[in-house]
Amino acid sequence: MGILTWIIVGLLAGAIAKALHPGKDPGGFIITILIGIAGAVVGGWISSMFGFGTVDGFNIGSLFIAILGAVLLLFIYRKFSTRA
């Protein structure tokens, strides 16, 4: 998958993850995009470990895996980030 596709899938996954897991985030829009891109990578890695498939293109299955990874990373990010 090309870098542009990762960015697009990550953007969509980050936005959907933010909608599914609303609340105040220590980061802004850029952090949400980065969490979405990282979520696509982590979701693809975890799902391939369990034999469910990978994030291999711009399709519904890949987007679903990326969203699950982004929700997981957003949850972890909120738990470990500190806000004054």
C-alpha atoms as a PDB file:
ATOM      1  CA  MET A   1       0.000   0.000   0.000  1.00  0.00           C
ATOM      2  CA  GLY A   2       1.346   3.415  -0.908  1.00  0.00           C
ATOM      3  CA  ILE A   3       2.022   6.167   1.591  1.00  0.00           C
ATOM      4  CA  LEU A   4      -0.868   8.257   0.257  1.00  0.00           C
ATOM      5  CA  THR A   5      -3.281   5.378   0.827  1.00  0.00           C
ATOM      6  CA  TRP A   6      -1.959   4.942   4.391  1.00  0.00           C
ATOM      7  CA  ILE A   7      -2.548   8.647   5.027  1.00  0.00           C
ATOM      8  CA  ILE A   8      -6.082   8.542   3.604  1.00  0.00           C
ATOM      9  CA  VAL A   9      -7.011   5.363   5.489  1.00  0.00           C
ATOM     10  CA  GLY A  10      -5.385   6.798   8.622  1.00  0.00           C
ATOM     11  CA  LEU A  11      -7.284  10.059   8.269  1.00  0.00           C
ATOM     12  CA  LEU A  12     -10.584   8.244   7.912  1.00  0.00           C
ATOM     13  CA  ALA A  13      -9.773   5.784  10.689  1.00  0.00           C
ATOM     14  CA  GLY A  14      -8.667   8.577  13.026  1.00  0.00           C
ATOM     15  CA  ALA A  15     -11.792  10.636  12.364  1.00  0.00           C
ATOM     16  CA  ILE A  16     -14.102   7.655  12.838  1.00  0.00           C
ATOM     17  CA  ALA A  17     -12.204   6.541  15.966  1.00  0.00           C
ATOM     18  CA  LYS A  18     -12.576  10.054  17.386  1.00  0.00           C
ATOM     19  CA  ALA A  19     -16.323   9.931  16.674  1.00  0.00           C
ATOM     20  CA  LEU A  20     -16.633   6.487  18.276  1.00  0.00           C
ATOM     21  CA  HIS A  21     -14.506   7.478  21.270  1.00  0.00           C
ATOM     22  CA  PRO A  22     -15.445  11.131  21.886  1.00  0.00           C
ATOM     23  CA  GLY A  23     -13.981  13.331  24.568  1.00  0.00           C
ATOM     24  CA  LYS A  24     -11.173  15.743  25.155  1.00  0.00           C
ATOM     25  CA  ASP A  25      -7.842  14.771  23.701  1.00  0.00           C
ATOM     26  CA  PRO A  26      -4.488  16.206  24.716  1.00  0.00           C
ATOM     27  CA  GLY A  27      -3.624  16.498  21.013  1.00  0.00           C
ATOM     28  CA  GLY A  28      -5.408  18.097  18.120  1.00  0.00           C
ATOM     29  CA  PHE A  29      -6.317  17.174  14.575  1.00  0.00           C
ATOM     30  CA  ILE A  30      -2.759  16.263  13.552  1.00  0.00           C
ATOM     31  CA  ILE A  31      -2.389  13.893  16.520  1.00  0.00           C
ATOM     32  CA  THR A  32      -5.696  12.263  15.547  1.00  0.00           C
ATOM     33  CA  ILE A  33      -4.388  11.694  12.012  1.00  0.00           C
ATOM     34  CA  LEU A  34      -1.131  10.247  13.327  1.00  0.00           C
ATOM     35  CA  ILE A  35      -3.033   7.973  15.720  1.00  0.00           C
ATOM     36  CA  GLY A  36      -5.199   6.872  12.779  1.00  0.00           C
ATOM     37  CA  ILE A  37      -2.167   6.037  10.631  1.00  0.00           C
ATOM     38  CA  ALA A  38      -0.502   4.221  13.522  1.00  0.00           C
ATOM     39  CA  GLY A  39      -3.822   2.485  14.220  1.00  0.00           C
ATOM     40  CA  ALA A  40      -3.890   1.176  10.676  1.00  0.00           C
ATOM     41  CA  VAL A  41      -0.416  -0.268  11.179  1.00  0.00           C
ATOM     42  CA  VAL A  42      -1.154  -1.703  14.626  1.00  0.00           C
ATOM     43  CA  GLY A  43      -4.576  -3.014  13.590  1.00  0.00           C
ATOM     44  CA  GLY A  44      -3.074  -4.691  10.529  1.00  0.00           C
ATOM     45  CA  TRP A  45      -0.282  -6.210  12.598  1.00  0.00           C
ATOM     46  CA  ILE A  46      -2.631  -7.544  15.302  1.00  0.00           C
ATOM     47  CA  SER A  47      -5.189  -8.884  12.826  1.00  0.00           C
ATOM     48  CA  SER A  48      -2.506 -10.608  10.750  1.00  0.00           C
ATOM     49  CA  MET A  49      -1.137 -12.234  13.930  1.00  0.00           C
ATOM     50  CA  PHE A  50      -4.565 -13.735  14.591  1.00  0.00           C
ATOM     51  CA  GLY A  51      -5.141 -14.624  10.924  1.00  0.00           C
ATOM     52  CA  PHE A  52      -7.992 -12.167  10.266  1.00  0.00           C
ATOM     53  CA  GLY A  53      -6.314 -10.302   7.428  1.00  0.00           C
ATOM     54  CA  THR A  54      -4.233  -7.185   6.951  1.00  0.00           C
ATOM     55  CA  VAL A  55      -4.600  -3.571   5.924  1.00  0.00           C
ATOM     56  CA  ASP A  56      -3.705  -4.107   2.289  1.00  0.00           C
ATOM     57  CA  GLY A  57      -5.612  -1.484   0.346  1.00  0.00           C
ATOM     58  CA  PHE A  58      -8.464   0.937   0.391  1.00  0.00           C
ATOM     59  CA  ASN A  59     -11.396  -1.378   1.093  1.00  0.00           C
ATOM     60  CA  ILE A  60     -14.002  -1.913   3.821  1.00  0.00           C
ATOM     61  CA  GLY A  61     -12.100  -4.683   5.611  1.00  0.00           C
ATOM     62  CA  SER A  62      -8.899  -2.669   5.779  1.00  0.00           C
ATOM     63  CA  LEU A  63     -10.764   0.410   6.970  1.00  0.00           C
ATOM     64  CA  PHE A  64     -12.504  -1.620   9.693  1.00  0.00           C
ATOM     65  CA  ILE A  65      -9.180  -3.045  10.909  1.00  0.00           C
ATOM     66  CA  ALA A  66      -7.609   0.429  10.833  1.00  0.00           C
ATOM     67  CA  ILE A  67     -10.529   1.887  12.810  1.00  0.00           C
ATOM     68  CA  LEU A  68     -10.221  -0.803  15.480  1.00  0.00           C
ATOM     69  CA  GLY A  69      -6.486  -0.146  15.738  1.00  0.00           C
ATOM     70  CA  ALA A  70      -7.057   3.619  15.914  1.00  0.00           C
ATOM     71  CA  VAL A  71      -9.694   3.237  18.662  1.00  0.00           C
ATOM     72  CA  LEU A  72      -7.266   1.067  20.619  1.00  0.00           C
ATOM     73  CA  LEU A  73      -4.415   3.549  20.221  1.00  0.00           C
ATOM     74  CA  LEU A  74      -6.665   6.508  21.036  1.00  0.00           C
ATOM     75  CA  PHE A  75      -7.762   4.765  24.240  1.00  0.00           C
ATOM     76  CA  ILE A  76      -4.144   4.034  25.204  1.00  0.00           C
ATOM     77  CA  TYR A  77      -3.073   7.571  24.291  1.00  0.00           C
ATOM     78  CA  ARG A  78      -5.745   9.083  26.523  1.00  0.00           C
ATOM     79  CA  LYS A  79      -4.820   6.812  29.442  1.00  0.00           C
ATOM     80  CA  PHE A  80      -1.107   7.613  29.345  1.00  0.00           C
ATOM     81  CA  SER A  81      -1.129  11.274  28.331  1.00  0.00           C
ATOM     82  CA  THR A  82      -1.147  13.866  31.061  1.00  0.00           C
ATOM     83  CA  ARG A  83      -3.096  17.041  30.919  1.00  0.00           C
ATOM     84  CA  ALA A  84      -2.542  19.873  33.343  1.00  0.00           C
END
